[in-house]
Amino acid sequence: MVAVMTDVLLSEYETLIAVVGEHASDDEIVAALVRDADWTEQGAREVLQITRTYGASILRNALALASAMQIEDGEAGL
């Protein structure tokens, strides 16, 4: 189940980044996340910061751990 969800999200976000361009500013990425992926501005900024800070290898492990622990929405409530 998690693999299917992440495949769909990966495809969605790859398309989003292709549209804004790989050298887009943080503000442009946040605007696209709000407009096209139903994020709030606060949530979009937070997820972008987490992405830039930790990258894919750490976040993959966090996703696997959250899934194993059955944590759908974290304490931040984004």
C-alpha atoms as a PDB file:
ATOM      1  CA  MET A   1       0.000   0.000   0.000  1.00  0.00           C
ATOM      2  CA  VAL A   2       2.724   2.505   0.949  1.00  0.00           C
ATOM      3  CA  ALA A   3       4.655   1.730  -2.253  1.00  0.00           C
ATOM      4  CA  VAL A   4       1.599   2.467  -4.397  1.00  0.00           C
ATOM      5  CA  MET A   5       0.930   5.718  -2.535  1.00  0.00           C
ATOM      6  CA  THR A   6       4.538   6.855  -2.834  1.00  0.00           C
ATOM      7  CA  ASP A   7       4.659   5.957  -6.549  1.00  0.00           C
ATOM      8  CA  VAL A   8       1.599   8.140  -7.185  1.00  0.00           C
ATOM      9  CA  LEU A   9       2.982  11.011  -5.090  1.00  0.00           C
ATOM     10  CA  LEU A  10       6.408  10.735  -6.699  1.00  0.00           C
ATOM     11  CA  SER A  11       4.850  10.989 -10.146  1.00  0.00           C
ATOM     12  CA  GLU A  12       2.704  13.955  -9.048  1.00  0.00           C
ATOM     13  CA  TYR A  13       5.652  15.850  -7.568  1.00  0.00           C
ATOM     14  CA  GLU A  14       7.969  15.036 -10.495  1.00  0.00           C
ATOM     15  CA  THR A  15       5.350  16.591 -12.776  1.00  0.00           C
ATOM     16  CA  LEU A  16       5.000  19.591 -10.462  1.00  0.00           C
ATOM     17  CA  ILE A  17       8.769  20.218 -10.454  1.00  0.00           C
ATOM     18  CA  ALA A  18       8.952  19.740 -14.229  1.00  0.00           C
ATOM     19  CA  VAL A  19       6.304  22.452 -14.631  1.00  0.00           C
ATOM     20  CA  VAL A  20       7.981  25.003 -12.323  1.00  0.00           C
ATOM     21  CA  GLY A  21      11.492  24.018 -13.448  1.00  0.00           C
ATOM     22  CA  GLU A  22      14.227  22.292 -11.522  1.00  0.00           C
ATOM     23  CA  HIS A  23      15.843  25.640 -10.654  1.00  0.00           C
ATOM     24  CA  ALA A  24      12.637  27.183  -9.290  1.00  0.00           C
ATOM     25  CA  SER A  25      12.839  29.318  -6.167  1.00  0.00           C
ATOM     26  CA  ASP A  26      11.377  28.114  -2.899  1.00  0.00           C
ATOM     27  CA  ASP A  27       8.532  30.611  -3.328  1.00  0.00           C
ATOM     28  CA  GLU A  28       7.724  29.167  -6.771  1.00  0.00           C
ATOM     29  CA  ILE A  29       7.733  25.613  -5.411  1.00  0.00           C
ATOM     30  CA  VAL A  30       5.544  26.607  -2.459  1.00  0.00           C
ATOM     31  CA  ALA A  31       3.087  28.349  -4.798  1.00  0.00           C
ATOM     32  CA  ALA A  32       2.898  25.223  -6.976  1.00  0.00           C
ATOM     33  CA  LEU A  33       2.353  22.970  -3.941  1.00  0.00           C
ATOM     34  CA  VAL A  34      -0.476  25.234  -2.750  1.00  0.00           C
ATOM     35  CA  ARG A  35      -2.040  25.559  -6.198  1.00  0.00           C
ATOM     36  CA  ASP A  36      -1.585  22.019  -7.542  1.00  0.00           C
ATOM     37  CA  ALA A  37      -1.149  19.705  -4.555  1.00  0.00           C
ATOM     38  CA  ASP A  38      -3.665  21.122  -2.058  1.00  0.00           C
ATOM     39  CA  TRP A  39      -1.081  22.153   0.534  1.00  0.00           C
ATOM     40  CA  THR A  40      -1.553  25.156   2.804  1.00  0.00           C
ATOM     41  CA  GLU A  41       1.247  27.695   2.485  1.00  0.00           C
ATOM     42  CA  GLN A  42       2.525  26.800   5.969  1.00  0.00           C
ATOM     43  CA  GLY A  43       2.465  23.090   5.168  1.00  0.00           C
ATOM     44  CA  ALA A  44       4.177  23.603   1.811  1.00  0.00           C
ATOM     45  CA  ARG A  45       6.959  25.658   3.376  1.00  0.00           C
ATOM     46  CA  GLU A  46       7.425  23.073   6.128  1.00  0.00           C
ATOM     47  CA  VAL A  47       7.593  20.090   3.764  1.00  0.00           C
ATOM     48  CA  LEU A  48      10.018  21.947   1.485  1.00  0.00           C
ATOM     49  CA  GLN A  49      12.265  22.828   4.443  1.00  0.00           C
ATOM     50  CA  ILE A  50      12.194  19.212   5.669  1.00  0.00           C
ATOM     51  CA  THR A  51      13.018  18.030   2.152  1.00  0.00           C
ATOM     52  CA  ARG A  52      15.960  20.404   1.784  1.00  0.00           C
ATOM     53  CA  THR A  53      17.255  19.652   5.293  1.00  0.00           C
ATOM     54  CA  TYR A  54      17.032  15.852   5.281  1.00  0.00           C
ATOM     55  CA  GLY A  55      16.795  14.678   1.666  1.00  0.00           C
ATOM     56  CA  ALA A  56      15.430  11.448   0.249  1.00  0.00           C
ATOM     57  CA  SER A  57      17.473   8.855   2.154  1.00  0.00           C
ATOM     58  CA  ILE A  58      16.428  10.062   5.611  1.00  0.00           C
ATOM     59  CA  LEU A  59      12.840  10.771   4.566  1.00  0.00           C
ATOM     60  CA  ARG A  60      12.487   7.299   3.027  1.00  0.00           C
ATOM     61  CA  ASN A  61      13.414   5.831   6.394  1.00  0.00           C
ATOM     62  CA  ALA A  62      11.045   8.211   8.186  1.00  0.00           C
ATOM     63  CA  LEU A  63       8.225   7.150   5.834  1.00  0.00           C
ATOM     64  CA  ALA A  64       8.902   3.470   6.508  1.00  0.00           C
ATOM     65  CA  LEU A  65       9.006   4.035  10.275  1.00  0.00           C
ATOM     66  CA  ALA A  66       5.832   6.166  10.275  1.00  0.00           C
ATOM     67  CA  SER A  67       4.063   3.508   8.223  1.00  0.00           C
ATOM     68  CA  ALA A  68       5.199   0.704  10.538  1.00  0.00           C
ATOM     69  CA  MET A  69       4.042   2.736  13.533  1.00  0.00           C
ATOM     70  CA  GLN A  70       0.767   3.554  11.748  1.00  0.00           C
ATOM     71  CA  ILE A  71       1.297   7.299  12.084  1.00  0.00           C
ATOM     72  CA  GLU A  72      -0.664   9.022   9.322  1.00  0.00           C
ATOM     73  CA  ASP A  73      -0.445  12.640  10.520  1.00  0.00           C
ATOM     74  CA  GLY A  74       2.364  13.723  12.821  1.00  0.00           C
ATOM     75  CA  GLU A  75       2.341  15.989  15.822  1.00  0.00           C
ATOM     76  CA  ALA A  76       2.636  19.137  13.657  1.00  0.00           C
ATOM     77  CA  GLY A  77      -0.820  18.467  12.229  1.00  0.00           C
ATOM     78  CA  LEU A  78       0.060  19.703   8.761  1.00  0.00           C
END
